[in-house]
Amino acid sequence: MKRTDPAKRFWAHVSIGESGECWEWNAHRNIKGYGLFADFTPQYGGKTQGAHRWAWIFTRGEIGGGLFVCHKCDNPGCVNPAHLFLGTNSDNQLDSYRKGRRRHLAGARASNARLTPFQVSIIRRVGDSVPSRQLGEVFGVGKSQILRIRRNESWVTE
């Protein structure tokens, strides 16, 4: 059985609007409104990802490790490559905060924050030269929190 080109199959589910408008995903979406798509080629083996991520892959290439495909337009169903940008989880959270979609940022502004921005800068500066478990003991947080800070998945700084 001949398989359809994944990119052709993908774009068949997209309503392309006028220049500058969102391109809506017209197939399966998750509960938050993000489109879902799976590529069954050997390269991806049926992996399901957000349709906006596939739009990036099909138009701009692979996504670097740990990066998110974020929406400039704040429309989770949009797959217009001109409305997408790459960023870390921190970039995505900060973008959301600046656009008024979040009341607070993870980090110093969080009511339950255990660390200060200075402590976070130390954790990021020492890198892997000090084990995460040891840093966690020094700062009174868990090893997993130290790892999230190091990967910029936690503790947004403006």
N, C-alpha and C. Protein backbone atom coordinates (compact mmCIF):
# COMPACT_ATOMS: atom_id res chain seq x y z
N MET A 1 0.84 -1.17 0.00
CA MET A 1 0.00 0.00 0.00
C MET A 1 0.89 1.24 0.00
N LYS A 2 0.62 2.16 -0.91
CA LYS A 2 1.39 3.38 -1.03
C LYS A 2 0.90 4.41 -0.01
N ARG A 3 1.85 4.96 0.72
CA ARG A 3 1.50 5.97 1.73
C ARG A 3 1.50 7.36 1.11
N THR A 4 0.57 8.17 1.59
CA THR A 4 0.50 9.56 1.15
C THR A 4 1.62 10.35 1.80
N ASP A 5 2.17 11.28 1.05
CA ASP A 5 3.20 12.16 1.59
C ASP A 5 2.65 12.86 2.83
N PRO A 6 3.35 12.78 3.99
CA PRO A 6 2.83 13.37 5.22
C PRO A 6 2.55 14.87 5.10
N ALA A 7 3.40 15.60 4.39
CA ALA A 7 3.18 17.04 4.25
C ALA A 7 1.89 17.31 3.48
N LYS A 8 1.64 16.55 2.41
CA LYS A 8 0.40 16.73 1.65
C LYS A 8 -0.80 16.40 2.52
N ARG A 9 -0.69 15.31 3.28
CA ARG A 9 -1.79 14.91 4.17
C ARG A 9 -2.03 15.99 5.23
N PHE A 10 -0.94 16.57 5.76
CA PHE A 10 -1.03 17.63 6.76
C PHE A 10 -1.76 18.85 6.20
N TRP A 11 -1.25 19.39 5.08
CA TRP A 11 -1.80 20.63 4.53
C TRP A 11 -3.22 20.48 4.04
N ALA A 12 -3.67 19.24 3.79
CA ALA A 12 -5.06 19.01 3.40
C ALA A 12 -6.03 19.32 4.54
N HIS A 13 -5.52 19.40 5.75
CA HIS A 13 -6.34 19.69 6.93
C HIS A 13 -6.26 21.15 7.37
N VAL A 14 -5.73 22.02 6.51
CA VAL A 14 -5.50 23.42 6.88
C VAL A 14 -6.32 24.34 5.99
N SER A 15 -7.03 25.28 6.62
CA SER A 15 -7.72 26.35 5.87
C SER A 15 -6.80 27.56 5.87
N ILE A 16 -6.24 27.85 4.72
CA ILE A 16 -5.30 28.96 4.60
C ILE A 16 -6.09 30.23 4.35
N GLY A 17 -5.93 31.19 5.25
CA GLY A 17 -6.65 32.46 5.16
C GLY A 17 -5.90 33.48 4.32
N GLU A 18 -6.39 34.69 4.36
CA GLU A 18 -5.73 35.80 3.66
C GLU A 18 -4.35 36.05 4.26
N SER A 19 -3.55 36.82 3.56
CA SER A 19 -2.22 37.15 4.03
C SER A 19 -2.29 37.78 5.42
N GLY A 20 -1.50 37.25 6.33
CA GLY A 20 -1.46 37.78 7.69
C GLY A 20 -2.46 37.17 8.64
N GLU A 21 -3.42 36.41 8.13
CA GLU A 21 -4.43 35.78 8.98
C GLU A 21 -3.96 34.42 9.47
N CYS A 22 -4.65 33.91 10.48
CA CYS A 22 -4.36 32.58 10.97
C CYS A 22 -4.77 31.53 9.93
N TRP A 23 -4.02 30.44 9.91
CA TRP A 23 -4.36 29.29 9.09
C TRP A 23 -4.89 28.24 10.06
N GLU A 24 -6.16 27.93 9.97
CA GLU A 24 -6.81 27.06 10.95
C GLU A 24 -6.62 25.57 10.64
N TRP A 25 -6.33 24.83 11.71
CA TRP A 25 -6.24 23.38 11.64
C TRP A 25 -7.66 22.82 11.72
N ASN A 26 -8.04 21.99 10.74
CA ASN A 26 -9.42 21.49 10.65
C ASN A 26 -9.56 20.01 10.95
N ALA A 27 -8.61 19.43 11.61
CA ALA A 27 -8.72 18.02 11.98
C ALA A 27 -8.73 17.93 13.51
N HIS A 28 -8.30 16.81 14.04
CA HIS A 28 -8.39 16.56 15.48
C HIS A 28 -7.64 17.62 16.29
N ARG A 29 -8.28 18.05 17.39
CA ARG A 29 -7.67 18.99 18.34
C ARG A 29 -7.78 18.43 19.75
N ASN A 30 -6.85 18.86 20.60
CA ASN A 30 -6.94 18.44 21.99
C ASN A 30 -7.89 19.37 22.74
N ILE A 31 -8.07 19.13 24.02
CA ILE A 31 -9.04 19.88 24.82
C ILE A 31 -8.71 21.37 24.90
N LYS A 32 -7.44 21.73 24.71
CA LYS A 32 -7.04 23.14 24.75
C LYS A 32 -7.12 23.81 23.37
N GLY A 33 -7.52 23.06 22.36
CA GLY A 33 -7.69 23.63 21.02
C GLY A 33 -6.50 23.48 20.09
N TYR A 34 -5.43 22.84 20.55
CA TYR A 34 -4.26 22.63 19.70
C TYR A 34 -4.50 21.46 18.76
N GLY A 35 -4.18 21.66 17.48
CA GLY A 35 -4.32 20.58 16.51
C GLY A 35 -3.32 19.48 16.79
N LEU A 36 -3.71 18.25 16.42
CA LEU A 36 -2.83 17.08 16.59
C LEU A 36 -2.66 16.39 15.25
N PHE A 37 -1.44 15.93 14.99
CA PHE A 37 -1.13 15.26 13.73
C PHE A 37 -0.05 14.23 13.99
N ALA A 38 -0.12 13.12 13.24
CA ALA A 38 0.89 12.06 13.35
C ALA A 38 1.48 11.78 11.98
N ASP A 39 2.79 11.64 11.94
CA ASP A 39 3.51 11.28 10.72
C ASP A 39 3.94 9.82 10.88
N PHE A 40 3.51 8.97 9.95
CA PHE A 40 3.77 7.54 10.06
C PHE A 40 4.98 7.08 9.26
N THR A 41 5.80 8.01 8.79
CA THR A 41 7.00 7.61 8.07
C THR A 41 7.99 7.01 9.06
N PRO A 42 8.96 6.22 8.56
CA PRO A 42 9.94 5.62 9.47
C PRO A 42 10.69 6.65 10.31
N GLN A 43 10.87 7.85 9.78
CA GLN A 43 11.59 8.89 10.52
C GLN A 43 10.89 9.24 11.83
N TYR A 44 9.56 9.27 11.82
CA TYR A 44 8.81 9.67 13.01
C TYR A 44 7.99 8.54 13.62
N GLY A 45 7.76 7.48 12.89
CA GLY A 45 7.12 6.28 13.43
C GLY A 45 5.76 6.49 14.07
N GLY A 46 4.95 7.39 13.53
CA GLY A 46 3.60 7.59 14.05
C GLY A 46 3.53 8.52 15.24
N LYS A 47 4.59 9.24 15.51
CA LYS A 47 4.60 10.15 16.66
C LYS A 47 3.58 11.27 16.45
N THR A 48 2.70 11.45 17.45
CA THR A 48 1.71 12.52 17.40
C THR A 48 2.27 13.74 18.12
N GLN A 49 2.17 14.88 17.45
CA GLN A 49 2.63 16.16 18.02
C GLN A 49 1.60 17.22 17.67
N GLY A 50 1.77 18.38 18.26
CA GLY A 50 0.92 19.50 17.93
C GLY A 50 1.05 19.85 16.46
N ALA A 51 -0.08 20.18 15.83
CA ALA A 51 -0.07 20.53 14.41
C ALA A 51 0.83 21.73 14.16
N HIS A 52 0.88 22.67 15.10
CA HIS A 52 1.76 23.83 14.91
C HIS A 52 3.22 23.42 14.87
N ARG A 53 3.60 22.36 15.60
CA ARG A 53 4.97 21.85 15.54
C ARG A 53 5.25 21.24 14.17
N TRP A 54 4.25 20.50 13.64
CA TRP A 54 4.42 19.92 12.31
C TRP A 54 4.51 21.01 11.25
N ALA A 55 3.73 22.08 11.40
CA ALA A 55 3.80 23.19 10.44
C ALA A 55 5.23 23.74 10.41
N TRP A 56 5.84 23.85 11.58
CA TRP A 56 7.21 24.33 11.66
C TRP A 56 8.16 23.36 10.95
N ILE A 57 8.03 22.07 11.27
CA ILE A 57 8.90 21.06 10.67
C ILE A 57 8.77 21.05 9.15
N PHE A 58 7.54 21.08 8.65
CA PHE A 58 7.33 21.00 7.21
C PHE A 58 7.77 22.26 6.47
N THR A 59 7.84 23.40 7.14
CA THR A 59 8.22 24.64 6.45
C THR A 59 9.61 25.14 6.80
N ARG A 60 10.11 24.80 8.00
CA ARG A 60 11.39 25.36 8.42
C ARG A 60 12.41 24.33 8.86
N GLY A 61 11.99 23.10 9.04
CA GLY A 61 12.94 22.06 9.43
C GLY A 61 12.77 21.63 10.88
N GLU A 62 13.69 20.81 11.30
CA GLU A 62 13.64 20.21 12.64
C GLU A 62 13.66 21.26 13.74
N ILE A 63 13.12 20.88 14.89
CA ILE A 63 13.06 21.74 16.06
C ILE A 63 14.15 21.28 17.02
N GLY A 64 14.98 22.21 17.46
CA GLY A 64 16.07 21.88 18.37
C GLY A 64 15.56 21.30 19.68
N GLY A 65 16.39 20.53 20.32
CA GLY A 65 16.04 19.89 21.58
C GLY A 65 15.58 20.87 22.64
N GLY A 66 14.47 20.56 23.29
CA GLY A 66 13.96 21.37 24.38
C GLY A 66 13.25 22.64 23.96
N LEU A 67 13.13 22.89 22.67
CA LEU A 67 12.47 24.12 22.23
C LEU A 67 10.98 23.89 21.99
N PHE A 68 10.22 24.93 22.19
CA PHE A 68 8.79 24.94 21.97
C PHE A 68 8.52 25.71 20.68
N VAL A 69 7.42 25.36 20.00
CA VAL A 69 6.93 26.19 18.90
C VAL A 69 5.80 27.01 19.50
N CYS A 70 6.00 28.32 19.56
CA CYS A 70 5.07 29.23 20.23
C CYS A 70 4.28 30.02 19.20
N HIS A 71 3.10 30.49 19.62
CA HIS A 71 2.22 31.27 18.75
C HIS A 71 2.33 32.77 19.04
N LYS A 72 2.62 33.56 18.02
CA LYS A 72 2.57 35.01 18.16
C LYS A 72 1.11 35.46 18.25
N CYS A 73 0.22 34.72 17.58
CA CYS A 73 -1.19 35.12 17.46
C CYS A 73 -2.05 34.63 18.63
N ASP A 74 -1.52 33.77 19.48
CA ASP A 74 -2.26 33.22 20.63
C ASP A 74 -3.47 32.38 20.23
N ASN A 75 -3.50 31.88 19.02
CA ASN A 75 -4.58 31.01 18.55
C ASN A 75 -4.03 29.59 18.50
N PRO A 76 -4.44 28.71 19.43
CA PRO A 76 -3.87 27.36 19.47
C PRO A 76 -4.14 26.53 18.21
N GLY A 77 -5.16 26.88 17.45
CA GLY A 77 -5.47 26.14 16.22
C GLY A 77 -4.76 26.66 15.00
N CYS A 78 -3.94 27.69 15.15
CA CYS A 78 -3.24 28.30 14.02
C CYS A 78 -1.97 27.51 13.68
N VAL A 79 -1.79 27.27 12.37
CA VAL A 79 -0.57 26.60 11.89
C VAL A 79 0.15 27.46 10.84
N ASN A 80 -0.15 28.75 10.80
CA ASN A 80 0.51 29.66 9.87
C ASN A 80 1.96 29.82 10.33
N PRO A 81 2.94 29.39 9.52
CA PRO A 81 4.34 29.49 9.93
C PRO A 81 4.77 30.91 10.28
N ALA A 82 4.15 31.91 9.68
CA ALA A 82 4.50 33.31 9.99
C ALA A 82 4.04 33.71 11.38
N HIS A 83 3.16 32.93 11.99
CA HIS A 83 2.64 33.23 13.33
C HIS A 83 3.37 32.43 14.40
N LEU A 84 4.38 31.66 14.02
CA LEU A 84 5.06 30.77 14.96
C LEU A 84 6.50 31.22 15.19
N PHE A 85 7.00 30.94 16.39
CA PHE A 85 8.41 31.20 16.69
C PHE A 85 8.91 30.14 17.66
N LEU A 86 10.21 29.90 17.65
CA LEU A 86 10.81 28.94 18.57
C LEU A 86 11.24 29.64 19.85
N GLY A 87 11.07 28.95 20.96
CA GLY A 87 11.51 29.49 22.24
C GLY A 87 11.54 28.41 23.30
N THR A 88 12.12 28.74 24.42
CA THR A 88 12.15 27.81 25.56
C THR A 88 10.81 27.89 26.29
N ASN A 89 10.63 27.03 27.26
CA ASN A 89 9.43 27.10 28.08
C ASN A 89 9.36 28.46 28.78
N SER A 90 10.50 28.96 29.23
CA SER A 90 10.53 30.28 29.88
C SER A 90 10.10 31.37 28.91
N ASP A 91 10.58 31.30 27.66
CA ASP A 91 10.17 32.28 26.64
C ASP A 91 8.66 32.25 26.45
N ASN A 92 8.11 31.04 26.40
CA ASN A 92 6.67 30.87 26.18
C ASN A 92 5.87 31.43 27.37
N GLN A 93 6.32 31.17 28.58
CA GLN A 93 5.65 31.69 29.77
C GLN A 93 5.71 33.21 29.82
N LEU A 94 6.88 33.77 29.51
CA LEU A 94 7.05 35.21 29.53
C LEU A 94 6.18 35.88 28.47
N ASP A 95 6.11 35.28 27.28
CA ASP A 95 5.25 35.79 26.21
C ASP A 95 3.80 35.80 26.67
N SER A 96 3.37 34.73 27.31
CA SER A 96 2.01 34.63 27.82
C SER A 96 1.72 35.69 28.87
N TYR A 97 2.68 35.91 29.76
CA TYR A 97 2.53 36.92 30.81
C TYR A 97 2.42 38.32 30.21
N ARG A 98 3.30 38.64 29.28
CA ARG A 98 3.31 39.97 28.66
C ARG A 98 2.03 40.26 27.89
N LYS A 99 1.39 39.21 27.38
CA LYS A 99 0.14 39.39 26.62
C LYS A 99 -1.09 39.32 27.53
N GLY A 100 -0.87 39.21 28.84
CA GLY A 100 -1.98 39.24 29.78
C GLY A 100 -2.73 37.93 29.93
N ARG A 101 -2.16 36.82 29.46
CA ARG A 101 -2.84 35.53 29.60
C ARG A 101 -2.50 34.82 30.91
N ARG A 102 -1.55 35.37 31.65
CA ARG A 102 -1.15 34.79 32.94
C ARG A 102 -1.15 35.90 33.97
N ARG A 103 -1.57 35.57 35.17
CA ARG A 103 -1.56 36.58 36.23
C ARG A 103 -0.21 36.66 36.92
N HIS A 104 0.57 35.61 36.85
CA HIS A 104 1.87 35.63 37.51
C HIS A 104 2.86 34.81 36.70
N LEU A 105 4.09 34.96 37.02
CA LEU A 105 5.16 34.19 36.41
C LEU A 105 5.71 33.21 37.43
N ALA A 106 6.15 32.07 36.94
CA ALA A 106 6.86 31.16 37.83
C ALA A 106 8.16 31.86 38.21
N GLY A 107 8.56 31.74 39.41
CA GLY A 107 9.79 32.38 39.86
C GLY A 107 9.55 33.26 41.05
N ALA A 108 10.25 34.36 41.15
CA ALA A 108 10.20 35.24 42.31
C ALA A 108 8.79 35.76 42.58
N ARG A 109 7.98 35.92 41.54
CA ARG A 109 6.63 36.44 41.73
C ARG A 109 5.65 35.38 42.23
N ALA A 110 6.04 34.13 42.19
CA ALA A 110 5.17 33.07 42.68
C ALA A 110 5.09 33.16 44.20
N SER A 111 3.90 33.03 44.73
CA SER A 111 3.72 33.18 46.19
C SER A 111 4.44 32.10 46.99
N ASN A 112 4.69 30.97 46.36
CA ASN A 112 5.35 29.87 47.07
C ASN A 112 6.82 29.70 46.66
N ALA A 113 7.43 30.73 46.06
CA ALA A 113 8.82 30.65 45.61
C ALA A 113 9.76 30.44 46.80
N ARG A 114 10.65 29.48 46.66
CA ARG A 114 11.63 29.22 47.70
C ARG A 114 12.98 29.85 47.37
N LEU A 115 13.17 30.21 46.11
CA LEU A 115 14.46 30.73 45.67
C LEU A 115 14.34 32.20 45.27
N THR A 116 15.46 32.88 45.34
CA THR A 116 15.53 34.27 44.88
C THR A 116 16.14 34.27 43.48
N PRO A 117 15.96 35.36 42.73
CA PRO A 117 16.60 35.44 41.42
C PRO A 117 18.13 35.27 41.50
N PHE A 118 18.74 35.78 42.57
CA PHE A 118 20.19 35.63 42.74
C PHE A 118 20.57 34.15 42.87
N GLN A 119 19.81 33.40 43.67
CA GLN A 119 20.10 31.97 43.84
C GLN A 119 19.95 31.23 42.51
N VAL A 120 18.92 31.59 41.75
CA VAL A 120 18.70 30.94 40.45
C VAL A 120 19.87 31.26 39.51
N SER A 121 20.36 32.48 39.54
CA SER A 121 21.50 32.84 38.68
C SER A 121 22.74 32.02 39.06
N ILE A 122 22.92 31.75 40.34
CA ILE A 122 24.05 30.92 40.79
C ILE A 122 23.88 29.50 40.25
N ILE A 123 22.68 28.96 40.39
CA ILE A 123 22.41 27.59 39.92
C ILE A 123 22.72 27.49 38.43
N ARG A 124 22.31 28.48 37.66
CA ARG A 124 22.54 28.44 36.21
C ARG A 124 24.02 28.65 35.87
N ARG A 125 24.71 29.48 36.66
CA ARG A 125 26.13 29.76 36.39
C ARG A 125 27.03 28.57 36.67
N VAL A 126 26.76 27.82 37.74
CA VAL A 126 27.65 26.71 38.07
C VAL A 126 27.50 25.55 37.10
N GLY A 127 26.38 25.52 36.38
CA GLY A 127 26.19 24.47 35.38
C GLY A 127 26.27 23.09 36.00
N ASP A 128 26.95 22.20 35.30
CA ASP A 128 27.06 20.82 35.76
C ASP A 128 28.26 20.58 36.67
N SER A 129 28.98 21.65 37.04
CA SER A 129 30.17 21.47 37.87
C SER A 129 29.81 21.04 39.30
N VAL A 130 28.57 21.29 39.72
CA VAL A 130 28.10 20.86 41.04
C VAL A 130 26.88 19.98 40.81
N PRO A 131 26.84 18.78 41.40
CA PRO A 131 25.70 17.89 41.20
C PRO A 131 24.37 18.52 41.63
N SER A 132 23.33 18.21 40.89
CA SER A 132 22.00 18.76 41.18
C SER A 132 21.53 18.43 42.59
N ARG A 133 21.78 17.23 43.02
CA ARG A 133 21.37 16.82 44.37
C ARG A 133 22.03 17.72 45.43
N GLN A 134 23.31 18.00 45.24
CA GLN A 134 24.04 18.83 46.20
C GLN A 134 23.50 20.27 46.18
N LEU A 135 23.25 20.84 44.99
CA LEU A 135 22.68 22.18 44.91
C LEU A 135 21.30 22.23 45.55
N GLY A 136 20.52 21.18 45.34
CA GLY A 136 19.19 21.11 45.94
C GLY A 136 19.26 21.15 47.45
N GLU A 137 20.22 20.43 48.02
CA GLU A 137 20.39 20.42 49.48
C GLU A 137 20.81 21.81 49.99
N VAL A 138 21.70 22.46 49.25
CA VAL A 138 22.18 23.78 49.66
C VAL A 138 21.03 24.80 49.64
N PHE A 139 20.20 24.76 48.60
CA PHE A 139 19.15 25.76 48.44
C PHE A 139 17.78 25.32 48.96
N GLY A 140 17.69 24.10 49.47
CA GLY A 140 16.43 23.65 50.07
C GLY A 140 15.33 23.31 49.08
N VAL A 141 15.74 22.83 47.89
CA VAL A 141 14.76 22.38 46.88
C VAL A 141 15.20 21.03 46.38
N GLY A 142 14.33 20.37 45.65
CA GLY A 142 14.65 19.05 45.13
C GLY A 142 15.56 19.07 43.93
N LYS A 143 16.18 17.92 43.68
CA LYS A 143 17.07 17.74 42.53
C LYS A 143 16.34 18.04 41.23
N SER A 144 15.08 17.62 41.13
CA SER A 144 14.33 17.83 39.88
C SER A 144 14.10 19.32 39.62
N GLN A 145 13.91 20.11 40.68
CA GLN A 145 13.74 21.55 40.51
C GLN A 145 15.04 22.18 39.98
N ILE A 146 16.17 21.74 40.49
CA ILE A 146 17.47 22.23 40.01
C ILE A 146 17.61 21.90 38.53
N LEU A 147 17.26 20.68 38.14
CA LEU A 147 17.36 20.29 36.73
C LEU A 147 16.46 21.14 35.85
N ARG A 148 15.23 21.43 36.30
CA ARG A 148 14.31 22.27 35.52
C ARG A 148 14.86 23.69 35.38
N ILE A 149 15.47 24.20 36.43
CA ILE A 149 16.07 25.54 36.37
C ILE A 149 17.21 25.55 35.35
N ARG A 150 18.06 24.53 35.40
CA ARG A 150 19.20 24.45 34.48
C ARG A 150 18.75 24.36 33.02
N ARG A 151 17.62 23.69 32.78
CA ARG A 151 17.12 23.54 31.40
C ARG A 151 16.21 24.70 31.00
N ASN A 152 16.09 25.72 31.84
CA ASN A 152 15.22 26.87 31.60
C ASN A 152 13.76 26.45 31.44
N GLU A 153 13.36 25.42 32.12
CA GLU A 153 11.96 24.98 32.11
C GLU A 153 11.22 25.55 33.32
N SER A 154 11.94 26.13 34.21
CA SER A 154 11.36 26.70 35.41
C SER A 154 12.10 27.99 35.72
N TRP A 155 11.45 28.82 36.43
CA TRP A 155 12.01 30.08 36.90
C TRP A 155 12.22 31.07 35.77
N VAL A 156 11.15 31.71 35.39
CA VAL A 156 11.20 32.75 34.37
C VAL A 156 11.82 33.99 34.97
N THR A 157 12.74 34.59 34.26
CA THR A 157 13.32 35.86 34.69
C THR A 157 13.04 36.87 33.59
N GLU A 158 12.64 38.06 33.98
CA GLU A 158 12.31 39.09 32.98
C GLU A 158 13.54 39.88 32.62
